[in-house]
Amino acid sequence: MRKILVALIVMLGLNSMVMADSIDLWKKSTLNKVLQSGVLRVGMEPGYMPFEMKDKKGNIIGFDVDMAKAMAKAMGVKLKLVPTAWDGIIAGLLTDKFDILMSGMTVTQERNLKINFAKPYISVGQTIIAQKKHAGKTWKELDKPEYTIVTKLGVTGEIATRKLFRKAKIRTFETEADAAQEVLNGKADAFVYDKPYNAIFFAQKAATGKIIHMDKDLTYEPLGWAVRKGDPDFLNWLDNFLNQARHDGLYDKIYGKWFEKDAWQKKVM
């Protein structure tokens, strides 16, 4: 009997410790802090169509923005967008400049060592915008010393470009718009970047007759919302929010607005 009582006391003690740890973890959770402050701070780099960009009035709009609005509404808090340069966006999250990173970021193992990702909310691949003279060629035929390939600095497009193009000259730019413009201006042979952006850029510039879109995916890239490490409560909420949005029509409604319709383009062009 004594042994049984001792075992029960030990079990009760362990359960109390687990409960205390869980309560302490929740108190430290970003989600709890958001609820306490009444504001969800979302970090993003406006410039990645159609995920996040500025309209003619300077407002930040896009797919990620609408998802962030829905997220804040579900939490019952206000939304604050925090525009952040891409090269400092992970550092901004880690130093508590914002609560969550929602900026079309590809989930990679390297990034995952620093931050945690919720389950992917969309997948994209790298494709190529090339000068029209390269119509009919494959990407491998562009990997020659006489050709120049451009992409954005510090993104998965650069990683893919350097991995696939070993012979061609590679140049990087601070923004995707500047890099794509190089091809349009005839100063580069091809631009490697995310398919959604390239599809929109091509649709806008196809009438020039200067470029083609080689739209076969070169890579598989899931995009995810990022949070700081050690926060299972926030990750759990995000995964459940996304699952609910995918099944109640919210996700499809927002996706259709930004990827299947083009009315928004008039606001940014």
C-alpha atoms as a PDB file:
ATOM      1  CA  MET A   1       0.000   0.000   0.000  1.00  0.00           C
ATOM      2  CA  ARG A   2       2.842   2.344   0.939  1.00  0.00           C
ATOM      3  CA  LYS A   3       4.483   1.805  -2.463  1.00  0.00           C
ATOM      4  CA  ILE A   4       1.210   2.606  -4.230  1.00  0.00           C
ATOM      5  CA  LEU A   5       0.799   5.824  -2.216  1.00  0.00           C
ATOM      6  CA  VAL A   6       4.361   6.849  -3.009  1.00  0.00           C
ATOM      7  CA  ALA A   7       3.790   6.178  -6.719  1.00  0.00           C
ATOM      8  CA  LEU A   8       0.593   8.250  -6.670  1.00  0.00           C
ATOM      9  CA  ILE A   9       2.351  11.128  -4.938  1.00  0.00           C
ATOM     10  CA  VAL A  10       5.156  11.019  -7.516  1.00  0.00           C
ATOM     11  CA  MET A  11       2.654  10.959 -10.388  1.00  0.00           C
ATOM     12  CA  LEU A  12       0.718  13.885  -8.928  1.00  0.00           C
ATOM     13  CA  GLY A  13       3.936  15.791  -8.504  1.00  0.00           C
ATOM     14  CA  LEU A  14       4.985  15.153 -12.088  1.00  0.00           C
ATOM     15  CA  ASN A  15       1.556  16.163 -13.402  1.00  0.00           C
ATOM     16  CA  SER A  16       1.740  19.387 -11.415  1.00  0.00           C
ATOM     17  CA  MET A  17       5.162  20.120 -12.893  1.00  0.00           C
ATOM     18  CA  VAL A  18       3.900  19.477 -16.417  1.00  0.00           C
ATOM     19  CA  MET A  19       0.898  21.727 -15.857  1.00  0.00           C
ATOM     20  CA  ALA A  20       3.131  24.459 -14.450  1.00  0.00           C
ATOM     21  CA  ASP A  21       5.473  24.188 -17.422  1.00  0.00           C
ATOM     22  CA  SER A  22       2.525  24.367 -19.838  1.00  0.00           C
ATOM     23  CA  ILE A  23       1.144  27.455 -18.131  1.00  0.00           C
ATOM     24  CA  ASP A  24       4.571  29.087 -18.156  1.00  0.00           C
ATOM     25  CA  LEU A  25       4.997  28.246 -21.860  1.00  0.00           C
ATOM     26  CA  TRP A  26       1.621  29.834 -22.653  1.00  0.00           C
ATOM     27  CA  LYS A  27       2.515  32.987 -20.731  1.00  0.00           C
ATOM     28  CA  LYS A  28       5.630  33.348 -22.898  1.00  0.00           C
ATOM     29  CA  SER A  29       3.792  32.549 -26.147  1.00  0.00           C
ATOM     30  CA  THR A  30       3.651  35.261 -28.792  1.00  0.00           C
ATOM     31  CA  LEU A  31      -0.009  34.397 -29.282  1.00  0.00           C
ATOM     32  CA  ASN A  32      -0.739  35.190 -25.638  1.00  0.00           C
ATOM     33  CA  LYS A  33       1.152  38.480 -25.918  1.00  0.00           C
ATOM     34  CA  VAL A  34      -0.831  39.385 -29.063  1.00  0.00           C
ATOM     35  CA  LEU A  35      -4.087  38.736 -27.242  1.00  0.00           C
ATOM     36  CA  GLN A  36      -2.927  40.793 -24.262  1.00  0.00           C
ATOM     37  CA  SER A  37      -1.787  43.731 -26.412  1.00  0.00           C
ATOM     38  CA  GLY A  38      -4.756  43.554 -28.780  1.00  0.00           C
ATOM     39  CA  VAL A  39      -2.501  43.976 -31.834  1.00  0.00           C
ATOM     40  CA  LEU A  40      -1.039  41.458 -34.294  1.00  0.00           C
ATOM     41  CA  ARG A  41       2.168  42.808 -35.833  1.00  0.00           C
ATOM     42  CA  VAL A  42       2.939  41.272 -39.218  1.00  0.00           C
ATOM     43  CA  GLY A  43       6.308  41.710 -40.928  1.00  0.00           C
ATOM     44  CA  MET A  44       6.448  41.735 -44.732  1.00  0.00           C
ATOM     45  CA  GLU A  45       8.370  43.232 -47.633  1.00  0.00           C
ATOM     46  CA  PRO A  46       5.852  44.950 -49.945  1.00  0.00           C
ATOM     47  CA  GLY A  47       7.055  44.296 -53.484  1.00  0.00           C
ATOM     48  CA  TYR A  48       6.238  40.655 -54.192  1.00  0.00           C
ATOM     49  CA  MET A  49       3.147  40.564 -56.414  1.00  0.00           C
ATOM     50  CA  PRO A  50       0.512  39.403 -55.702  1.00  0.00           C
ATOM     51  CA  PHE A  51       1.465  38.485 -52.140  1.00  0.00           C
ATOM     52  CA  GLU A  52       2.298  41.940 -50.779  1.00  0.00           C
ATOM     53  CA  MET A  53       2.737  45.227 -52.643  1.00  0.00           C
ATOM     54  CA  LYS A  54       1.839  48.905 -52.454  1.00  0.00           C
ATOM     55  CA  ASP A  55      -1.060  50.352 -54.418  1.00  0.00           C
ATOM     56  CA  LYS A  56      -1.067  53.787 -56.018  1.00  0.00           C
ATOM     57  CA  LYS A  57      -2.068  55.358 -52.704  1.00  0.00           C
ATOM     58  CA  GLY A  58       0.780  53.716 -50.823  1.00  0.00           C
ATOM     59  CA  ASN A  59      -1.383  51.143 -49.050  1.00  0.00           C
ATOM     60  CA  ILE A  60      -0.010  47.611 -48.671  1.00  0.00           C
ATOM     61  CA  ILE A  61      -2.309  45.096 -50.349  1.00  0.00           C
ATOM     62  CA  GLY A  62      -2.093  41.481 -51.496  1.00  0.00           C
ATOM     63  CA  PHE A  63      -2.805  37.844 -50.769  1.00  0.00           C
ATOM     64  CA  ASP A  64      -0.725  37.742 -47.583  1.00  0.00           C
ATOM     65  CA  VAL A  65      -2.306  40.994 -46.407  1.00  0.00           C
ATOM     66  CA  ASP A  66      -5.835  39.600 -46.753  1.00  0.00           C
ATOM     67  CA  MET A  67      -4.820  36.417 -44.951  1.00  0.00           C
ATOM     68  CA  ALA A  68      -3.301  38.546 -42.173  1.00  0.00           C
ATOM     69  CA  LYS A  69      -6.539  40.547 -41.908  1.00  0.00           C
ATOM     70  CA  ALA A  70      -8.531  37.322 -41.593  1.00  0.00           C
ATOM     71  CA  MET A  71      -6.057  36.050 -39.004  1.00  0.00           C
ATOM     72  CA  ALA A  72      -6.338  39.195 -36.870  1.00  0.00           C
ATOM     73  CA  LYS A  73     -10.137  39.053 -37.117  1.00  0.00           C
ATOM     74  CA  ALA A  74     -10.127  35.439 -35.931  1.00  0.00           C
ATOM     75  CA  MET A  75      -7.975  36.473 -32.959  1.00  0.00           C
ATOM     76  CA  GLY A  76     -10.193  39.446 -32.194  1.00  0.00           C
ATOM     77  CA  VAL A  77      -7.298  41.919 -32.413  1.00  0.00           C
ATOM     78  CA  LYS A  78      -6.173  44.805 -34.606  1.00  0.00           C
ATOM     79  CA  LEU A  79      -3.675  44.315 -37.445  1.00  0.00           C
ATOM     80  CA  LYS A  80      -0.439  46.274 -37.804  1.00  0.00           C
ATOM     81  CA  LEU A  81       1.667  45.736 -40.924  1.00  0.00           C
ATOM     82  CA  VAL A  82       5.402  46.262 -40.480  1.00  0.00           C
ATOM     83  CA  PRO A  83       7.162  46.908 -43.835  1.00  0.00           C
ATOM     84  CA  THR A  84      10.649  45.384 -43.644  1.00  0.00           C
ATOM     85  CA  ALA A  85      13.530  45.037 -46.116  1.00  0.00           C
ATOM     86  CA  TRP A  86      14.051  41.425 -47.158  1.00  0.00           C
ATOM     87  CA  ASP A  87      17.684  41.228 -46.056  1.00  0.00           C
ATOM     88  CA  GLY A  88      16.658  42.059 -42.499  1.00  0.00           C
ATOM     89  CA  ILE A  89      13.291  40.364 -42.283  1.00  0.00           C
ATOM     90  CA  ILE A  90      14.351  37.258 -40.328  1.00  0.00           C
ATOM     91  CA  ALA A  91      16.399  39.415 -37.964  1.00  0.00           C
ATOM     92  CA  GLY A  92      13.326  41.595 -37.504  1.00  0.00           C
ATOM     93  CA  LEU A  93      11.306  38.584 -36.387  1.00  0.00           C
ATOM     94  CA  LEU A  94      14.027  37.351 -34.040  1.00  0.00           C
ATOM     95  CA  THR A  95      14.395  40.780 -32.406  1.00  0.00           C
ATOM     96  CA  ASP A  96      10.630  41.129 -31.838  1.00  0.00           C
ATOM     97  CA  LYS A  97      10.055  43.886 -34.393  1.00  0.00           C
ATOM     98  CA  PHE A  98       6.877  41.959 -35.252  1.00  0.00           C
ATOM     99  CA  ASP A  99       5.026  38.822 -34.148  1.00  0.00           C
ATOM    100  CA  ILE A 100       4.871  36.822 -37.365  1.00  0.00           C
ATOM    101  CA  LEU A 101       6.534  36.903 -40.768  1.00  0.00           C
ATOM    102  CA  MET A 102       4.051  36.697 -43.662  1.00  0.00           C
ATOM    103  CA  SER A 103       5.960  37.620 -46.796  1.00  0.00           C
ATOM    104  CA  GLY A 104       5.901  34.799 -49.321  1.00  0.00           C
ATOM    105  CA  MET A 105       8.893  33.136 -47.666  1.00  0.00           C
ATOM    106  CA  THR A 106       9.993  29.732 -48.942  1.00  0.00           C
ATOM    107  CA  VAL A 107      10.422  27.079 -46.277  1.00  0.00           C
ATOM    108  CA  THR A 108      14.041  25.935 -46.383  1.00  0.00           C
ATOM    109  CA  GLN A 109      16.058  23.780 -44.009  1.00  0.00           C
ATOM    110  CA  GLU A 110      18.589  26.590 -43.555  1.00  0.00           C
ATOM    111  CA  ARG A 111      15.920  29.108 -42.516  1.00  0.00           C
ATOM    112  CA  ASN A 112      14.249  26.484 -40.353  1.00  0.00           C
ATOM    113  CA  LEU A 113      17.376  26.362 -38.192  1.00  0.00           C
ATOM    114  CA  LYS A 114      16.653  29.957 -37.120  1.00  0.00           C
ATOM    115  CA  ILE A 115      12.853  30.175 -37.224  1.00  0.00           C
ATOM    116  CA  ASN A 116       9.842  27.865 -37.260  1.00  0.00           C
ATOM    117  CA  PHE A 117       7.258  27.639 -40.021  1.00  0.00           C
ATOM    118  CA  ALA A 118       3.568  26.833 -39.876  1.00  0.00           C
ATOM    119  CA  LYS A 119       2.351  24.319 -42.449  1.00  0.00           C
ATOM    120  CA  PRO A 120       2.788  25.638 -46.040  1.00  0.00           C
ATOM    121  CA  TYR A 121      -0.089  27.757 -47.297  1.00  0.00           C
ATOM    122  CA  ILE A 122       0.884  27.669 -50.971  1.00  0.00           C
ATOM    123  CA  SER A 123       3.596  26.220 -53.209  1.00  0.00           C
ATOM    124  CA  VAL A 124       5.463  28.006 -55.971  1.00  0.00           C
ATOM    125  CA  GLY A 125       8.386  27.160 -58.224  1.00  0.00           C
ATOM    126  CA  GLN A 126      11.109  29.126 -59.953  1.00  0.00           C
ATOM    127  CA  THR A 127      10.471  29.924 -63.629  1.00  0.00           C
ATOM    128  CA  ILE A 128      12.207  32.049 -66.249  1.00  0.00           C
ATOM    129  CA  ILE A 129      11.436  35.304 -68.018  1.00  0.00           C
ATOM    130  CA  ALA A 130      13.718  35.400 -71.070  1.00  0.00           C
ATOM    131  CA  GLN A 131      14.332  37.567 -74.091  1.00  0.00           C
ATOM    132  CA  LYS A 132      12.131  36.546 -77.015  1.00  0.00           C
ATOM    133  CA  LYS A 133      15.144  35.503 -79.067  1.00  0.00           C
ATOM    134  CA  HIS A 134      15.480  32.503 -76.711  1.00  0.00           C
ATOM    135  CA  ALA A 135      12.021  31.121 -77.559  1.00  0.00           C
ATOM    136  CA  GLY A 136      12.151  27.350 -78.017  1.00  0.00           C
ATOM    137  CA  LYS A 137      15.229  26.877 -75.832  1.00  0.00           C
ATOM    138  CA  THR A 138      15.362  24.992 -72.548  1.00  0.00           C
ATOM    139  CA  TRP A 139      16.912  26.481 -69.426  1.00  0.00           C
ATOM    140  CA  LYS A 140      19.942  24.253 -69.960  1.00  0.00           C
ATOM    141  CA  GLU A 141      20.576  25.919 -73.311  1.00  0.00           C
ATOM    142  CA  LEU A 142      20.817  29.268 -71.521  1.00  0.00           C
ATOM    143  CA  ASP A 143      23.645  28.014 -69.325  1.00  0.00           C
ATOM    144  CA  LYS A 144      26.447  29.325 -71.509  1.00  0.00           C
ATOM    145  CA  PRO A 145      29.236  31.859 -70.824  1.00  0.00           C
ATOM    146  CA  GLU A 146      27.824  34.320 -73.349  1.00  0.00           C
ATOM    147  CA  TYR A 147      24.482  34.576 -71.506  1.00  0.00           C
ATOM    148  CA  THR A 148      23.620  36.649 -68.428  1.00  0.00           C
ATOM    149  CA  ILE A 149      21.092  35.405 -65.887  1.00  0.00           C
ATOM    150  CA  VAL A 150      19.645  37.791 -63.303  1.00  0.00           C
ATOM    151  CA  THR A 151      17.686  37.269 -60.088  1.00  0.00           C
ATOM    152  CA  LYS A 152      16.953  38.889 -56.744  1.00  0.00           C
ATOM    153  CA  LEU A 153      19.628  38.888 -54.063  1.00  0.00           C
ATOM    154  CA  GLY A 154      19.212  36.639 -51.035  1.00  0.00           C
ATOM    155  CA  VAL A 155      16.158  34.623 -52.075  1.00  0.00           C
ATOM    156  CA  THR A 156      15.592  31.038 -53.196  1.00  0.00           C
ATOM    157  CA  GLY A 157      15.666  32.308 -56.763  1.00  0.00           C
ATOM    158  CA  GLU A 158      19.331  33.141 -56.288  1.00  0.00           C
ATOM    159  CA  ILE A 159      19.995  29.720 -54.741  1.00  0.00           C
ATOM    160  CA  ALA A 160      18.327  27.974 -57.687  1.00  0.00           C
ATOM    161  CA  THR A 161      20.124  30.184 -60.217  1.00  0.00           C
ATOM    162  CA  ARG A 162      23.562  29.477 -58.773  1.00  0.00           C
ATOM    163  CA  LYS A 163      22.790  25.768 -58.515  1.00  0.00           C
ATOM    164  CA  LEU A 164      21.455  25.350 -62.057  1.00  0.00           C
ATOM    165  CA  PHE A 165      23.501  27.865 -64.040  1.00  0.00           C
ATOM    166  CA  ARG A 166      27.170  26.959 -63.652  1.00  0.00           C
ATOM    167  CA  LYS A 167      28.498  28.505 -66.877  1.00  0.00           C
ATOM    168  CA  ALA A 168      26.379  31.603 -67.498  1.00  0.00           C
ATOM    169  CA  LYS A 169      27.157  34.971 -65.901  1.00  0.00           C
ATOM    170  CA  ILE A 170      24.953  35.671 -62.869  1.00  0.00           C
ATOM    171  CA  ARG A 171      23.963  39.108 -61.583  1.00  0.00           C
ATOM    172  CA  THR A 172      21.780  39.870 -58.577  1.00  0.00           C
ATOM    173  CA  PHE A 173      19.599  42.874 -57.715  1.00  0.00           C
ATOM    174  CA  GLU A 174      18.029  44.255 -54.549  1.00  0.00           C
ATOM    175  CA  THR A 175      14.508  43.983 -55.982  1.00  0.00           C
ATOM    176  CA  GLU A 176      12.790  41.574 -58.345  1.00  0.00           C
ATOM    177  CA  ALA A 177      11.439  44.509 -60.360  1.00  0.00           C
ATOM    178  CA  ASP A 178      14.926  45.789 -61.142  1.00  0.00           C
ATOM    179  CA  ALA A 179      16.140  42.328 -62.131  1.00  0.00           C
ATOM    180  CA  ALA A 180      13.168  41.633 -64.411  1.00  0.00           C
ATOM    181  CA  GLN A 181      13.568  45.043 -66.034  1.00  0.00           C
ATOM    182  CA  GLU A 182      17.092  44.094 -67.117  1.00  0.00           C
ATOM    183  CA  VAL A 183      15.647  41.406 -69.396  1.00  0.00           C
ATOM    184  CA  LEU A 184      12.991  43.758 -70.733  1.00  0.00           C
ATOM    185  CA  ASN A 185      15.705  46.324 -71.492  1.00  0.00           C
ATOM    186  CA  GLY A 186      17.844  43.734 -73.270  1.00  0.00           C
ATOM    187  CA  LYS A 187      20.654  43.926 -70.702  1.00  0.00           C
ATOM    188  CA  ALA A 188      20.202  40.335 -69.506  1.00  0.00           C
ATOM    189  CA  ASP A 189      19.119  37.133 -71.217  1.00  0.00           C
ATOM    190  CA  ALA A 190      16.949  35.658 -68.493  1.00  0.00           C
ATOM    191  CA  PHE A 191      15.414  36.352 -65.094  1.00  0.00           C
ATOM    192  CA  VAL A 192      14.859  33.535 -62.578  1.00  0.00           C
ATOM    193  CA  TYR A 193      12.175  34.091 -59.954  1.00  0.00           C
ATOM    194  CA  ASP A 194       8.957  32.790 -58.406  1.00  0.00           C
ATOM    195  CA  LYS A 195       6.295  31.667 -60.864  1.00  0.00           C
ATOM    196  CA  PRO A 196       3.430  33.880 -59.571  1.00  0.00           C
ATOM    197  CA  TYR A 197       5.519  37.024 -59.962  1.00  0.00           C
ATOM    198  CA  ASN A 198       6.810  35.997 -63.388  1.00  0.00           C
ATOM    199  CA  ALA A 199       3.313  35.159 -64.637  1.00  0.00           C
ATOM    200  CA  ILE A 200       2.049  38.599 -63.637  1.00  0.00           C
ATOM    201  CA  PHE A 201       5.105  40.397 -65.008  1.00  0.00           C
ATOM    202  CA  PHE A 202       4.743  38.589 -68.327  1.00  0.00           C
ATOM    203  CA  ALA A 203       1.019  39.374 -68.512  1.00  0.00           C
ATOM    204  CA  GLN A 204       1.801  43.049 -67.984  1.00  0.00           C
ATOM    205  CA  LYS A 205       4.695  43.231 -70.451  1.00  0.00           C
ATOM    206  CA  ALA A 206       3.814  40.626 -73.101  1.00  0.00           C
ATOM    207  CA  ALA A 207       2.495  43.334 -75.425  1.00  0.00           C
ATOM    208  CA  THR A 208       6.045  44.672 -75.806  1.00  0.00           C
ATOM    209  CA  GLY A 209       6.926  41.537 -77.771  1.00  0.00           C
ATOM    210  CA  LYS A 210      10.331  41.465 -76.090  1.00  0.00           C
ATOM    211  CA  ILE A 211      10.005  38.605 -73.610  1.00  0.00           C
ATOM    212  CA  ILE A 212       8.728  35.067 -73.128  1.00  0.00           C
ATOM    213  CA  HIS A 213       7.745  33.150 -70.005  1.00  0.00           C
ATOM    214  CA  MET A 214       9.362  29.732 -69.697  1.00  0.00           C
ATOM    215  CA  ASP A 215       6.744  28.593 -67.182  1.00  0.00           C
ATOM    216  CA  LYS A 216       7.896  25.066 -66.391  1.00  0.00           C
ATOM    217  CA  ASP A 217       8.819  24.934 -62.695  1.00  0.00           C
ATOM    218  CA  LEU A 218      12.530  24.526 -62.023  1.00  0.00           C
ATOM    219  CA  THR A 219      11.979  23.885 -58.309  1.00  0.00           C
ATOM    220  CA  TYR A 220       9.384  22.954 -55.711  1.00  0.00           C
ATOM    221  CA  GLU A 221       9.022  25.653 -53.057  1.00  0.00           C
ATOM    222  CA  PRO A 222       6.419  25.626 -50.288  1.00  0.00           C
ATOM    223  CA  LEU A 223       5.754  29.022 -48.695  1.00  0.00           C
ATOM    224  CA  GLY A 224       5.042  29.311 -44.975  1.00  0.00           C
ATOM    225  CA  TRP A 225       4.337  31.819 -42.216  1.00  0.00           C
ATOM    226  CA  ALA A 226       7.266  32.090 -39.814  1.00  0.00           C
ATOM    227  CA  VAL A 227       7.414  32.569 -36.047  1.00  0.00           C
ATOM    228  CA  ARG A 228      10.115  32.499 -33.412  1.00  0.00           C
ATOM    229  CA  LYS A 229      11.261  29.146 -32.034  1.00  0.00           C
ATOM    230  CA  GLY A 230       9.901  27.697 -28.808  1.00  0.00           C
ATOM    231  CA  ASP A 231       6.276  28.669 -29.425  1.00  0.00           C
ATOM    232  CA  PRO A 232       4.143  25.537 -30.026  1.00  0.00           C
ATOM    233  CA  ASP A 233       0.912  27.311 -29.025  1.00  0.00           C
ATOM    234  CA  PHE A 234       1.245  29.898 -31.801  1.00  0.00           C
ATOM    235  CA  LEU A 235       2.175  27.248 -34.379  1.00  0.00           C
ATOM    236  CA  ASN A 236      -0.792  25.113 -33.336  1.00  0.00           C
ATOM    237  CA  TRP A 237      -3.168  28.068 -33.721  1.00  0.00           C
ATOM    238  CA  LEU A 238      -1.764  28.973 -37.149  1.00  0.00           C
ATOM    239  CA  ASP A 239      -2.058  25.419 -38.463  1.00  0.00           C
ATOM    240  CA  ASN A 240      -5.647  25.177 -37.256  1.00  0.00           C
ATOM    241  CA  PHE A 241      -6.492  28.608 -38.685  1.00  0.00           C
ATOM    242  CA  LEU A 242      -5.138  27.589 -42.091  1.00  0.00           C
ATOM    243  CA  ASN A 243      -6.953  24.253 -42.022  1.00  0.00           C
ATOM    244  CA  GLN A 244     -10.232  25.989 -41.193  1.00  0.00           C
ATOM    245  CA  ALA A 245      -9.701  28.619 -43.921  1.00  0.00           C
ATOM    246  CA  ARG A 246      -9.050  25.911 -46.513  1.00  0.00           C
ATOM    247  CA  HIS A 247     -12.305  24.132 -45.662  1.00  0.00           C
ATOM    248  CA  ASP A 248     -14.766  26.976 -45.102  1.00  0.00           C
ATOM    249  CA  GLY A 249     -14.172  28.808 -48.384  1.00  0.00           C
ATOM    250  CA  LEU A 250     -12.137  31.703 -46.964  1.00  0.00           C
ATOM    251  CA  TYR A 251      -8.851  30.589 -48.490  1.00  0.00           C
ATOM    252  CA  ASP A 252     -10.400  29.965 -51.914  1.00  0.00           C
ATOM    253  CA  LYS A 253     -12.071  33.382 -51.845  1.00  0.00           C
ATOM    254  CA  ILE A 254      -8.808  35.185 -51.101  1.00  0.00           C
ATOM    255  CA  TYR A 255      -6.837  33.016 -53.549  1.00  0.00           C
ATOM    256  CA  GLY A 256      -9.318  33.710 -56.325  1.00  0.00           C
ATOM    257  CA  LYS A 257      -9.129  37.460 -55.740  1.00  0.00           C
ATOM    258  CA  TRP A 258      -5.356  37.602 -56.177  1.00  0.00           C
ATOM    259  CA  PHE A 259      -4.458  34.688 -58.463  1.00  0.00           C
ATOM    260  CA  GLU A 260      -7.499  34.113 -60.675  1.00  0.00           C
ATOM    261  CA  LYS A 261      -8.733  37.685 -61.175  1.00  0.00           C
ATOM    262  CA  ASP A 262      -6.837  40.774 -62.311  1.00  0.00           C
ATOM    263  CA  ALA A 263      -8.954  43.671 -61.005  1.00  0.00           C
ATOM    264  CA  TRP A 264      -6.281  44.409 -58.387  1.00  0.00           C
ATOM    265  CA  GLN A 265      -3.704  45.158 -61.089  1.00  0.00           C
ATOM    266  CA  LYS A 266      -5.420  48.463 -61.852  1.00  0.00           C
ATOM    267  CA  LYS A 267      -4.655  49.545 -58.291  1.00  0.00           C
ATOM    268  CA  VAL A 268      -0.903  49.057 -58.661  1.00  0.00           C
ATOM    269  CA  MET A 269      -0.178  49.847 -62.298  1.00  0.00           C
END
